[in-house]
């Protein structure tokens, strides 16, 4: 609204209203607003579902005497259960992303050996590949780092990783149908 006391901003040379009529720059917001805090019910639901799937991974690992819970899987569970509509949380990214991360990790391990330098390169290459494949999933970069630094046996690690990612996706699907107001997961399967 333009009045004598509050003139409308005049457009700058590009035609956008960036300069006030007084000649000074208009204050612009940098970025947007943070998302609203989830309701208590939504937070409890997400936290409970993520915790349950992580406990299942620990229990399965205890039964087969193999550590299955690794940090990247905890991050994946957090994404799937707390932000189920994000592209990073979709099944395609979760499953394929971790498989790409493992493959890149083993490739770097074979070429350069186990080192922090190699782990950093593996994370970067994984990020490039998952972006190019339209399977974004940032925890997959951490999977590549785990492979390079921890050097797990591929014959055991890869099938367990695959099964774990599928379990995370399936619990995301099931959990989104338990609570009526929960966003449906997945937004898309493939």
N, C-alpha and C. Protein backbone atom coordinates (compact mmCIF):
# COMPACT_ATOMS: atom_id res chain seq x y z
N UNK A 1 0.84 -1.17 0.00
CA UNK A 1 0.00 0.00 0.00
C UNK A 1 0.89 1.23 0.00
N UNK A 2 0.59 2.17 -0.87
CA UNK A 2 1.41 3.37 -1.00
C UNK A 2 0.62 4.57 -0.49
N UNK A 3 1.23 5.32 0.41
CA UNK A 3 0.64 6.57 0.89
C UNK A 3 1.74 7.60 0.89
N UNK A 4 1.39 8.82 1.24
CA UNK A 4 2.40 9.88 1.27
C UNK A 4 3.45 9.59 2.34
N UNK A 5 3.04 8.94 3.43
CA UNK A 5 3.99 8.63 4.49
C UNK A 5 4.80 7.37 4.18
N UNK A 6 4.24 6.44 3.44
CA UNK A 6 4.89 5.18 3.12
C UNK A 6 4.86 4.95 1.62
N UNK A 7 5.80 5.56 0.88
CA UNK A 7 5.77 5.38 -0.58
C UNK A 7 6.09 3.93 -0.96
N UNK A 8 5.54 3.51 -2.08
CA UNK A 8 5.81 2.16 -2.58
C UNK A 8 7.26 2.09 -3.03
N UNK A 9 7.88 0.93 -2.87
CA UNK A 9 9.26 0.81 -3.32
C UNK A 9 9.34 0.98 -4.83
N UNK A 10 10.37 1.71 -5.25
CA UNK A 10 10.55 1.90 -6.68
C UNK A 10 11.48 0.82 -7.21
N UNK A 11 11.22 0.36 -8.41
CA UNK A 11 12.08 -0.69 -8.96
C UNK A 11 13.49 -0.18 -9.20
N UNK A 12 14.47 -1.08 -9.04
CA UNK A 12 15.84 -0.71 -9.37
C UNK A 12 16.03 -0.91 -10.88
N UNK A 13 17.25 -0.85 -11.34
CA UNK A 13 17.54 -0.94 -12.77
C UNK A 13 17.03 -2.24 -13.39
N UNK A 14 16.96 -3.29 -12.61
CA UNK A 14 16.51 -4.57 -13.15
C UNK A 14 14.99 -4.67 -13.16
N UNK A 15 14.31 -3.68 -12.58
CA UNK A 15 12.86 -3.72 -12.56
C UNK A 15 12.29 -4.33 -11.29
N UNK A 16 13.15 -4.79 -10.40
CA UNK A 16 12.63 -5.37 -9.16
C UNK A 16 12.63 -4.33 -8.07
N UNK A 17 11.68 -4.41 -7.18
CA UNK A 17 11.60 -3.40 -6.13
C UNK A 17 12.63 -3.64 -5.04
N UNK A 18 13.87 -3.23 -5.27
CA UNK A 18 14.93 -3.46 -4.30
C UNK A 18 15.36 -2.19 -3.59
N UNK A 19 14.96 -1.02 -4.08
CA UNK A 19 15.38 0.24 -3.50
C UNK A 19 14.14 0.99 -3.02
N UNK A 20 14.18 1.43 -1.80
CA UNK A 20 13.08 2.22 -1.26
C UNK A 20 13.06 3.58 -1.95
N UNK A 21 11.91 4.24 -1.90
CA UNK A 21 11.78 5.57 -2.50
C UNK A 21 12.73 6.55 -1.81
N UNK A 22 13.08 6.28 -0.58
CA UNK A 22 13.98 7.17 0.15
C UNK A 22 15.41 7.04 -0.35
N UNK A 23 15.67 6.06 -1.20
CA UNK A 23 17.01 5.88 -1.74
C UNK A 23 17.80 4.79 -1.03
N UNK A 24 17.36 4.36 0.15
CA UNK A 24 18.08 3.32 0.88
C UNK A 24 17.64 1.93 0.46
N UNK A 25 18.49 0.95 0.67
CA UNK A 25 18.11 -0.41 0.30
C UNK A 25 17.01 -0.94 1.22
N UNK A 26 16.14 -1.69 0.65
CA UNK A 26 15.06 -2.31 1.41
C UNK A 26 15.61 -3.58 2.05
N UNK A 27 15.23 -3.83 3.27
CA UNK A 27 15.68 -5.05 3.94
C UNK A 27 14.95 -6.25 3.36
N UNK A 28 15.72 -7.25 3.01
CA UNK A 28 15.14 -8.48 2.50
C UNK A 28 15.43 -9.59 3.48
N UNK A 29 14.53 -10.52 3.55
CA UNK A 29 14.77 -11.68 4.39
C UNK A 29 15.78 -12.57 3.69
N UNK A 30 16.70 -13.07 4.44
CA UNK A 30 17.66 -14.03 3.90
C UNK A 30 17.13 -15.40 4.28
N UNK A 31 16.83 -16.19 3.27
CA UNK A 31 16.27 -17.51 3.55
C UNK A 31 14.82 -17.40 3.95
N UNK A 32 14.25 -18.50 4.24
CA UNK A 32 12.86 -18.53 4.66
C UNK A 32 12.75 -18.80 6.14
N UNK A 33 11.60 -19.19 6.51
CA UNK A 33 11.36 -19.53 7.91
C UNK A 33 11.62 -21.01 8.11
N UNK A 34 12.03 -21.35 9.30
CA UNK A 34 12.23 -22.75 9.66
C UNK A 34 10.87 -23.44 9.66
N UNK A 35 10.84 -24.73 9.37
CA UNK A 35 9.56 -25.42 9.41
C UNK A 35 8.99 -25.42 10.83
N UNK A 36 7.70 -25.56 10.90
CA UNK A 36 7.04 -25.59 12.20
C UNK A 36 7.49 -26.81 12.99
N UNK A 37 7.50 -26.66 14.29
CA UNK A 37 7.83 -27.78 15.17
C UNK A 37 6.74 -28.83 15.03
N UNK A 38 7.11 -30.10 14.96
CA UNK A 38 6.07 -31.13 14.85
C UNK A 38 5.24 -31.19 16.13
N UNK A 39 4.03 -31.65 15.99
CA UNK A 39 3.20 -31.83 17.17
C UNK A 39 3.84 -32.91 18.05
N UNK A 40 3.45 -32.93 19.30
CA UNK A 40 4.01 -33.94 20.21
C UNK A 40 3.70 -35.35 19.71
N UNK A 41 2.49 -35.55 19.21
CA UNK A 41 2.11 -36.89 18.70
C UNK A 41 2.97 -37.28 17.51
N UNK A 42 3.21 -36.34 16.60
CA UNK A 42 4.03 -36.64 15.42
C UNK A 42 5.47 -36.93 15.82
N UNK A 43 6.00 -36.15 16.75
CA UNK A 43 7.38 -36.37 17.20
C UNK A 43 7.52 -37.72 17.89
N UNK A 44 6.61 -38.04 18.77
CA UNK A 44 6.66 -39.33 19.47
C UNK A 44 6.56 -40.48 18.47
N UNK A 45 5.67 -40.34 17.50
CA UNK A 45 5.50 -41.37 16.47
C UNK A 45 6.80 -41.57 15.68
N UNK A 46 7.39 -40.49 15.21
CA UNK A 46 8.63 -40.58 14.41
C UNK A 46 9.78 -41.16 15.22
N UNK A 47 9.95 -40.65 16.42
CA UNK A 47 11.04 -41.11 17.29
C UNK A 47 10.86 -42.58 17.63
N UNK A 48 9.64 -42.97 17.96
CA UNK A 48 9.38 -44.37 18.31
C UNK A 48 9.65 -45.30 17.13
N UNK A 49 9.17 -44.93 15.95
CA UNK A 49 9.36 -45.78 14.77
C UNK A 49 10.83 -45.92 14.41
N UNK A 50 11.56 -44.81 14.45
CA UNK A 50 13.00 -44.87 14.14
C UNK A 50 13.74 -45.71 15.17
N UNK A 51 13.40 -45.54 16.43
CA UNK A 51 14.06 -46.31 17.49
C UNK A 51 13.76 -47.80 17.36
N UNK A 52 12.53 -48.13 17.05
CA UNK A 52 12.16 -49.55 16.90
C UNK A 52 12.95 -50.21 15.79
N UNK A 53 13.05 -49.57 14.63
CA UNK A 53 13.79 -50.21 13.53
C UNK A 53 15.27 -50.34 13.87
N UNK A 54 15.82 -49.37 14.58
CA UNK A 54 17.23 -49.46 14.97
C UNK A 54 17.43 -50.58 16.00
N UNK A 55 16.49 -50.73 16.92
CA UNK A 55 16.57 -51.83 17.88
C UNK A 55 16.44 -53.18 17.18
N UNK A 56 15.61 -53.26 16.15
CA UNK A 56 15.52 -54.50 15.37
C UNK A 56 16.85 -54.83 14.72
N UNK A 57 17.52 -53.81 14.18
CA UNK A 57 18.83 -54.05 13.57
C UNK A 57 19.83 -54.57 14.60
N UNK A 58 19.80 -54.01 15.80
CA UNK A 58 20.68 -54.48 16.87
C UNK A 58 20.34 -55.92 17.24
N UNK A 59 19.05 -56.22 17.37
CA UNK A 59 18.62 -57.59 17.74
C UNK A 59 19.02 -58.60 16.67
N UNK A 60 18.83 -58.25 15.41
CA UNK A 60 19.22 -59.16 14.33
C UNK A 60 20.73 -59.37 14.36
N UNK A 61 21.47 -58.30 14.56
CA UNK A 61 22.92 -58.41 14.66
C UNK A 61 23.35 -59.30 15.81
N UNK A 62 22.67 -59.18 16.95
CA UNK A 62 23.00 -60.03 18.10
C UNK A 62 22.71 -61.50 17.81
N UNK A 63 21.63 -61.77 17.08
CA UNK A 63 21.28 -63.16 16.76
C UNK A 63 22.29 -63.80 15.81
N UNK A 64 22.82 -63.02 14.88
CA UNK A 64 23.76 -63.60 13.91
C UNK A 64 25.22 -63.28 14.26
N UNK A 65 25.42 -62.66 15.41
CA UNK A 65 26.76 -62.32 15.90
C UNK A 65 27.53 -61.45 14.90
N UNK A 66 26.84 -60.45 14.40
CA UNK A 66 27.42 -59.54 13.42
C UNK A 66 26.88 -58.14 13.70
N UNK A 67 27.74 -57.14 13.82
CA UNK A 67 27.21 -55.79 14.05
C UNK A 67 26.55 -55.27 12.77
N UNK A 68 25.27 -54.99 12.86
CA UNK A 68 24.54 -54.49 11.70
C UNK A 68 24.31 -52.99 11.78
N UNK A 69 24.03 -52.50 12.98
CA UNK A 69 23.75 -51.07 13.14
C UNK A 69 25.03 -50.27 12.94
N UNK A 70 25.04 -49.47 11.89
CA UNK A 70 26.16 -48.57 11.63
C UNK A 70 25.58 -47.15 11.55
N UNK A 71 26.38 -46.13 11.82
CA UNK A 71 25.86 -44.76 11.83
C UNK A 71 25.06 -44.36 10.59
N UNK A 72 25.48 -44.73 9.37
CA UNK A 72 24.67 -44.32 8.22
C UNK A 72 23.24 -44.87 8.25
N UNK A 73 23.05 -46.04 8.82
CA UNK A 73 21.69 -46.60 8.90
C UNK A 73 20.84 -45.85 9.92
N UNK A 74 21.46 -45.38 10.99
CA UNK A 74 20.73 -44.55 11.96
C UNK A 74 20.27 -43.25 11.29
N UNK A 75 21.15 -42.67 10.47
CA UNK A 75 20.78 -41.45 9.75
C UNK A 75 19.65 -41.73 8.76
N UNK A 76 19.70 -42.87 8.09
CA UNK A 76 18.64 -43.23 7.15
C UNK A 76 17.31 -43.40 7.87
N UNK A 77 17.33 -44.08 9.00
CA UNK A 77 16.10 -44.27 9.77
C UNK A 77 15.53 -42.93 10.22
N UNK A 78 16.40 -42.02 10.62
CA UNK A 78 15.94 -40.69 11.03
C UNK A 78 15.28 -39.96 9.87
N UNK A 79 15.88 -40.02 8.69
CA UNK A 79 15.28 -39.36 7.52
C UNK A 79 13.94 -39.97 7.16
N UNK A 80 13.89 -41.28 7.07
CA UNK A 80 12.66 -41.97 6.65
C UNK A 80 11.52 -41.70 7.63
N UNK A 81 11.83 -41.70 8.93
CA UNK A 81 10.75 -41.58 9.91
C UNK A 81 10.44 -40.15 10.32
N UNK A 82 11.37 -39.22 10.15
CA UNK A 82 11.07 -37.84 10.56
C UNK A 82 10.81 -36.91 9.39
N UNK A 83 11.23 -37.29 8.19
CA UNK A 83 11.01 -36.44 7.02
C UNK A 83 10.62 -37.31 5.82
N UNK A 84 9.52 -38.04 5.94
CA UNK A 84 9.19 -39.06 4.94
C UNK A 84 8.85 -38.54 3.55
N UNK A 85 8.61 -37.25 3.41
CA UNK A 85 8.27 -36.72 2.09
C UNK A 85 9.48 -36.18 1.33
N UNK A 86 10.62 -36.07 1.99
CA UNK A 86 11.81 -35.55 1.32
C UNK A 86 12.34 -36.53 0.28
N UNK A 87 12.90 -36.03 -0.81
CA UNK A 87 13.52 -36.93 -1.79
C UNK A 87 14.62 -37.80 -1.17
N UNK A 88 15.34 -37.28 -0.19
CA UNK A 88 16.41 -38.03 0.46
C UNK A 88 15.90 -39.25 1.22
N UNK A 89 14.62 -39.28 1.54
CA UNK A 89 14.06 -40.37 2.34
C UNK A 89 13.35 -41.43 1.51
N UNK A 90 13.28 -41.27 0.21
CA UNK A 90 12.51 -42.20 -0.62
C UNK A 90 13.24 -43.52 -0.81
N UNK A 91 12.50 -44.62 -0.98
CA UNK A 91 13.11 -45.95 -1.06
C UNK A 91 14.23 -46.07 -2.08
N UNK A 92 14.04 -45.49 -3.23
CA UNK A 92 15.06 -45.55 -4.28
C UNK A 92 16.39 -45.01 -3.78
N UNK A 93 16.35 -43.86 -3.13
CA UNK A 93 17.58 -43.27 -2.61
C UNK A 93 18.16 -44.04 -1.44
N UNK A 94 17.29 -44.53 -0.56
CA UNK A 94 17.77 -45.25 0.62
C UNK A 94 18.50 -46.53 0.21
N UNK A 95 17.84 -47.36 -0.59
CA UNK A 95 18.42 -48.66 -0.94
C UNK A 95 19.56 -48.51 -1.95
N UNK A 96 19.29 -47.86 -3.07
CA UNK A 96 20.33 -47.74 -4.10
C UNK A 96 21.47 -46.86 -3.61
N UNK A 97 21.15 -45.81 -2.88
CA UNK A 97 22.19 -44.92 -2.37
C UNK A 97 23.22 -45.66 -1.53
N UNK A 98 22.75 -46.49 -0.61
CA UNK A 98 23.68 -47.25 0.23
C UNK A 98 24.47 -48.28 -0.58
N UNK A 99 23.82 -48.87 -1.58
CA UNK A 99 24.54 -49.84 -2.42
C UNK A 99 25.63 -49.14 -3.24
N UNK A 100 25.33 -47.95 -3.74
CA UNK A 100 26.34 -47.16 -4.46
C UNK A 100 27.47 -46.78 -3.52
N UNK A 101 27.12 -46.34 -2.31
CA UNK A 101 28.14 -45.99 -1.32
C UNK A 101 29.06 -47.15 -1.00
N UNK A 102 28.48 -48.33 -0.84
CA UNK A 102 29.30 -49.52 -0.56
C UNK A 102 30.19 -49.85 -1.74
N UNK A 103 29.64 -49.80 -2.96
CA UNK A 103 30.43 -50.12 -4.15
C UNK A 103 31.59 -49.15 -4.33
N UNK A 104 31.31 -47.87 -4.15
CA UNK A 104 32.38 -46.87 -4.27
C UNK A 104 33.41 -47.08 -3.17
N UNK A 105 32.95 -47.35 -1.96
CA UNK A 105 33.87 -47.59 -0.85
C UNK A 105 34.81 -48.74 -1.14
N UNK A 106 34.26 -49.85 -1.63
CA UNK A 106 35.11 -51.01 -1.96
C UNK A 106 36.03 -50.70 -3.14
N UNK A 107 35.56 -49.91 -4.09
CA UNK A 107 36.41 -49.52 -5.22
C UNK A 107 37.60 -48.69 -4.77
N UNK A 108 37.33 -47.69 -3.94
CA UNK A 108 38.42 -46.84 -3.42
C UNK A 108 39.35 -47.67 -2.54
N UNK A 109 38.79 -48.55 -1.76
CA UNK A 109 39.60 -49.42 -0.90
C UNK A 109 40.56 -50.27 -1.73
N UNK A 110 40.07 -50.79 -2.85
CA UNK A 110 40.91 -51.62 -3.72
C UNK A 110 42.02 -50.82 -4.38
N UNK A 111 41.72 -49.58 -4.74
CA UNK A 111 42.70 -48.75 -5.46
C UNK A 111 43.66 -48.05 -4.51
N UNK A 112 43.14 -47.47 -3.44
CA UNK A 112 43.96 -46.60 -2.59
C UNK A 112 44.20 -47.14 -1.19
N UNK A 113 43.51 -48.19 -0.79
CA UNK A 113 43.68 -48.70 0.56
C UNK A 113 42.85 -47.92 1.56
N UNK A 114 42.97 -48.32 2.81
CA UNK A 114 42.21 -47.70 3.88
C UNK A 114 42.93 -46.48 4.42
N UNK A 115 42.33 -45.32 4.22
CA UNK A 115 42.89 -44.07 4.75
C UNK A 115 41.79 -43.02 4.82
N UNK A 116 42.03 -42.03 5.63
CA UNK A 116 41.07 -40.93 5.73
C UNK A 116 40.95 -40.20 4.40
N UNK A 117 42.06 -40.08 3.67
CA UNK A 117 42.05 -39.44 2.35
C UNK A 117 41.14 -40.21 1.40
N UNK A 118 41.30 -41.51 1.39
CA UNK A 118 40.47 -42.36 0.55
C UNK A 118 39.00 -42.29 0.94
N UNK A 119 38.74 -42.23 2.24
CA UNK A 119 37.36 -42.14 2.72
C UNK A 119 36.71 -40.84 2.25
N UNK A 120 37.46 -39.75 2.28
CA UNK A 120 36.92 -38.47 1.82
C UNK A 120 36.61 -38.52 0.33
N UNK A 121 37.51 -39.11 -0.44
CA UNK A 121 37.28 -39.24 -1.89
C UNK A 121 36.06 -40.13 -2.14
N UNK A 122 35.96 -41.23 -1.41
CA UNK A 122 34.82 -42.14 -1.58
C UNK A 122 33.50 -41.43 -1.29
N UNK A 123 33.47 -40.61 -0.26
CA UNK A 123 32.24 -39.87 0.05
C UNK A 123 31.88 -38.91 -1.07
N UNK A 124 32.86 -38.20 -1.60
CA UNK A 124 32.61 -37.27 -2.70
C UNK A 124 32.14 -37.96 -3.96
N UNK A 125 32.79 -39.07 -4.30
CA UNK A 125 32.38 -39.82 -5.50
C UNK A 125 30.97 -40.39 -5.31
N UNK A 126 30.69 -40.88 -4.12
CA UNK A 126 29.34 -41.39 -3.85
C UNK A 126 28.30 -40.29 -4.03
N UNK A 127 28.58 -39.12 -3.50
CA UNK A 127 27.64 -38.01 -3.65
C UNK A 127 27.40 -37.69 -5.12
N UNK A 128 28.47 -37.65 -5.90
CA UNK A 128 28.33 -37.36 -7.33
C UNK A 128 27.48 -38.43 -8.02
N UNK A 129 27.72 -39.68 -7.70
CA UNK A 129 26.99 -40.76 -8.37
C UNK A 129 25.52 -40.82 -7.97
N UNK A 130 25.23 -40.64 -6.69
CA UNK A 130 23.82 -40.71 -6.29
C UNK A 130 23.05 -39.51 -6.83
N UNK A 131 23.71 -38.38 -6.96
CA UNK A 131 23.04 -37.22 -7.57
C UNK A 131 22.79 -37.48 -9.05
N UNK A 132 23.79 -38.02 -9.74
CA UNK A 132 23.63 -38.30 -11.17
C UNK A 132 22.57 -39.37 -11.42
N UNK A 133 22.45 -40.31 -10.51
CA UNK A 133 21.48 -41.40 -10.66
C UNK A 133 20.08 -41.02 -10.16
N UNK A 134 19.92 -39.79 -9.68
CA UNK A 134 18.66 -39.32 -9.11
C UNK A 134 18.22 -40.19 -7.94
N UNK A 135 19.19 -40.59 -7.13
CA UNK A 135 18.93 -41.37 -5.92
C UNK A 135 19.59 -40.69 -4.73
N UNK A 136 19.23 -39.43 -4.46
CA UNK A 136 19.92 -38.70 -3.40
C UNK A 136 19.68 -39.32 -2.03
N UNK A 137 20.75 -39.54 -1.31
CA UNK A 137 20.63 -40.04 0.06
C UNK A 137 21.97 -39.78 0.75
N UNK A 138 22.06 -38.70 1.49
CA UNK A 138 23.33 -38.29 2.09
C UNK A 138 23.96 -39.34 3.00
N UNK A 139 23.20 -40.15 3.76
CA UNK A 139 23.86 -41.19 4.56
C UNK A 139 24.65 -42.19 3.73
N UNK A 140 24.37 -42.30 2.43
CA UNK A 140 25.13 -43.20 1.57
C UNK A 140 26.60 -42.79 1.50
N UNK A 141 26.86 -41.50 1.61
CA UNK A 141 28.25 -41.02 1.62
C UNK A 141 28.96 -41.56 2.86
N UNK A 142 28.25 -41.60 3.97
CA UNK A 142 28.84 -42.15 5.20
C UNK A 142 29.08 -43.64 5.08
N UNK A 143 28.25 -44.34 4.32
CA UNK A 143 28.48 -45.77 4.09
C UNK A 143 29.80 -45.98 3.37
N UNK A 144 30.08 -45.15 2.38
CA UNK A 144 31.37 -45.24 1.67
C UNK A 144 32.53 -45.02 2.63
N UNK A 145 32.38 -44.07 3.53
CA UNK A 145 33.43 -43.79 4.52
C UNK A 145 33.62 -44.99 5.45
N UNK A 146 32.52 -45.58 5.91
CA UNK A 146 32.61 -46.76 6.78
C UNK A 146 33.35 -47.89 6.08
N UNK A 147 33.04 -48.13 4.81
CA UNK A 147 33.70 -49.21 4.07
C UNK A 147 35.20 -48.96 3.97
N UNK A 148 35.59 -47.75 3.62
CA UNK A 148 37.02 -47.45 3.46
C UNK A 148 37.76 -47.52 4.78
N UNK A 149 37.18 -47.00 5.84
CA UNK A 149 37.89 -46.94 7.12
C UNK A 149 37.79 -48.23 7.93
N UNK A 150 36.68 -48.94 7.83
CA UNK A 150 36.50 -50.15 8.65
C UNK A 150 36.80 -51.44 7.90
N UNK A 151 36.86 -51.39 6.60
CA UNK A 151 37.17 -52.53 5.71
C UNK A 151 36.39 -53.80 6.04
N UNK A 152 35.06 -53.73 6.08
CA UNK A 152 34.29 -54.95 6.34
C UNK A 152 34.35 -55.90 5.14
N UNK A 153 34.21 -57.19 5.40
CA UNK A 153 34.21 -58.18 4.32
C UNK A 153 32.95 -57.97 3.48
N UNK A 154 33.14 -57.75 2.19
CA UNK A 154 32.02 -57.43 1.29
C UNK A 154 30.96 -58.52 1.26
N UNK A 155 31.38 -59.77 1.30
CA UNK A 155 30.42 -60.88 1.20
C UNK A 155 29.44 -60.88 2.37
N UNK A 156 29.82 -60.35 3.51
CA UNK A 156 28.92 -60.27 4.67
C UNK A 156 28.25 -58.89 4.74
N UNK A 157 29.03 -57.86 4.49
CA UNK A 157 28.55 -56.49 4.69
C UNK A 157 27.45 -56.10 3.71
N UNK A 158 27.66 -56.34 2.44
CA UNK A 158 26.71 -55.86 1.42
C UNK A 158 25.33 -56.49 1.58
N UNK A 159 25.20 -57.81 1.75
CA UNK A 159 23.84 -58.36 1.96
C UNK A 159 23.17 -57.83 3.23
N UNK A 160 23.94 -57.67 4.29
CA UNK A 160 23.37 -57.13 5.53
C UNK A 160 22.95 -55.68 5.35
N UNK A 161 23.75 -54.92 4.63
CA UNK A 161 23.40 -53.52 4.34
C UNK A 161 22.13 -53.45 3.51
N UNK A 162 22.04 -54.27 2.49
CA UNK A 162 20.85 -54.30 1.64
C UNK A 162 19.61 -54.65 2.46
N UNK A 163 19.70 -55.71 3.24
CA UNK A 163 18.56 -56.11 4.07
C UNK A 163 18.17 -55.03 5.07
N UNK A 164 19.16 -54.36 5.63
CA UNK A 164 18.88 -53.30 6.60
C UNK A 164 18.16 -52.13 5.95
N UNK A 165 18.58 -51.75 4.75
CA UNK A 165 17.92 -50.63 4.07
C UNK A 165 16.49 -50.99 3.70
N UNK A 166 16.28 -52.22 3.27
CA UNK A 166 14.92 -52.67 2.95
C UNK A 166 14.06 -52.65 4.21
N UNK A 167 14.60 -53.09 5.34
CA UNK A 167 13.86 -53.08 6.60
C UNK A 167 13.49 -51.65 7.00
N UNK A 168 14.41 -50.72 6.83
CA UNK A 168 14.12 -49.31 7.15
C UNK A 168 12.99 -48.79 6.27
N UNK A 169 13.03 -49.09 5.00
CA UNK A 169 11.97 -48.65 4.07
C UNK A 169 10.62 -49.28 4.46
N UNK A 170 10.63 -50.57 4.75
CA UNK A 170 9.37 -51.24 5.11
C UNK A 170 8.79 -50.71 6.41
N UNK A 171 9.63 -50.41 7.38
CA UNK A 171 9.11 -49.85 8.63
C UNK A 171 8.59 -48.43 8.40
N UNK A 172 9.23 -47.70 7.49
CA UNK A 172 8.71 -46.38 7.13
C UNK A 172 7.32 -46.48 6.53
N UNK A 173 7.15 -47.45 5.65
CA UNK A 173 5.84 -47.69 5.02
C UNK A 173 4.80 -48.04 6.09
N UNK A 174 5.14 -49.00 6.94
CA UNK A 174 4.19 -49.45 7.97
C UNK A 174 3.87 -48.33 8.96
N UNK A 175 4.89 -47.63 9.41
CA UNK A 175 4.68 -46.58 10.41
C UNK A 175 3.81 -45.45 9.87
N UNK A 176 3.92 -45.17 8.59
CA UNK A 176 3.12 -44.08 8.03
C UNK A 176 1.64 -44.44 7.93
N UNK A 177 1.33 -45.71 8.08
CA UNK A 177 -0.06 -46.14 8.02
C UNK A 177 -0.67 -46.36 9.41
N UNK A 178 0.16 -46.32 10.44
CA UNK A 178 -0.33 -46.51 11.80
C UNK A 178 -1.00 -45.25 12.31
N UNK A 179 -0.37 -44.12 12.13
CA UNK A 179 -0.90 -42.85 12.61
C UNK A 179 -1.68 -42.19 11.48
N UNK A 180 -2.93 -41.90 11.73
CA UNK A 180 -3.82 -41.39 10.70
C UNK A 180 -3.31 -40.11 10.04
N UNK A 181 -2.77 -39.19 10.82
CA UNK A 181 -2.35 -37.90 10.27
C UNK A 181 -0.92 -37.90 9.74
N UNK A 182 -0.25 -39.02 9.81
CA UNK A 182 1.14 -39.09 9.35
C UNK A 182 1.19 -38.96 7.83
N UNK A 183 2.21 -38.26 7.31
CA UNK A 183 2.36 -38.21 5.85
C UNK A 183 2.62 -39.61 5.32
N UNK A 184 2.05 -39.93 4.18
CA UNK A 184 2.22 -41.26 3.60
C UNK A 184 3.63 -41.44 3.08
N UNK A 185 4.21 -42.56 3.44
CA UNK A 185 5.54 -42.93 2.95
C UNK A 185 5.39 -44.20 2.15
N UNK A 186 6.03 -44.28 1.05
CA UNK A 186 6.88 -43.28 0.41
C UNK A 186 6.06 -42.33 -0.46
N UNK A 187 6.68 -41.21 -0.79
CA UNK A 187 6.06 -40.29 -1.74
C UNK A 187 6.07 -40.93 -3.13
N UNK A 188 7.09 -41.71 -3.40
CA UNK A 188 7.18 -42.51 -4.63
C UNK A 188 8.09 -43.68 -4.35
N UNK A 189 7.82 -44.81 -4.99
CA UNK A 189 8.62 -46.01 -4.74
C UNK A 189 9.90 -46.00 -5.54
N UNK A 190 9.81 -45.72 -6.79
CA UNK A 190 11.00 -45.83 -7.62
C UNK A 190 11.11 -44.63 -8.49
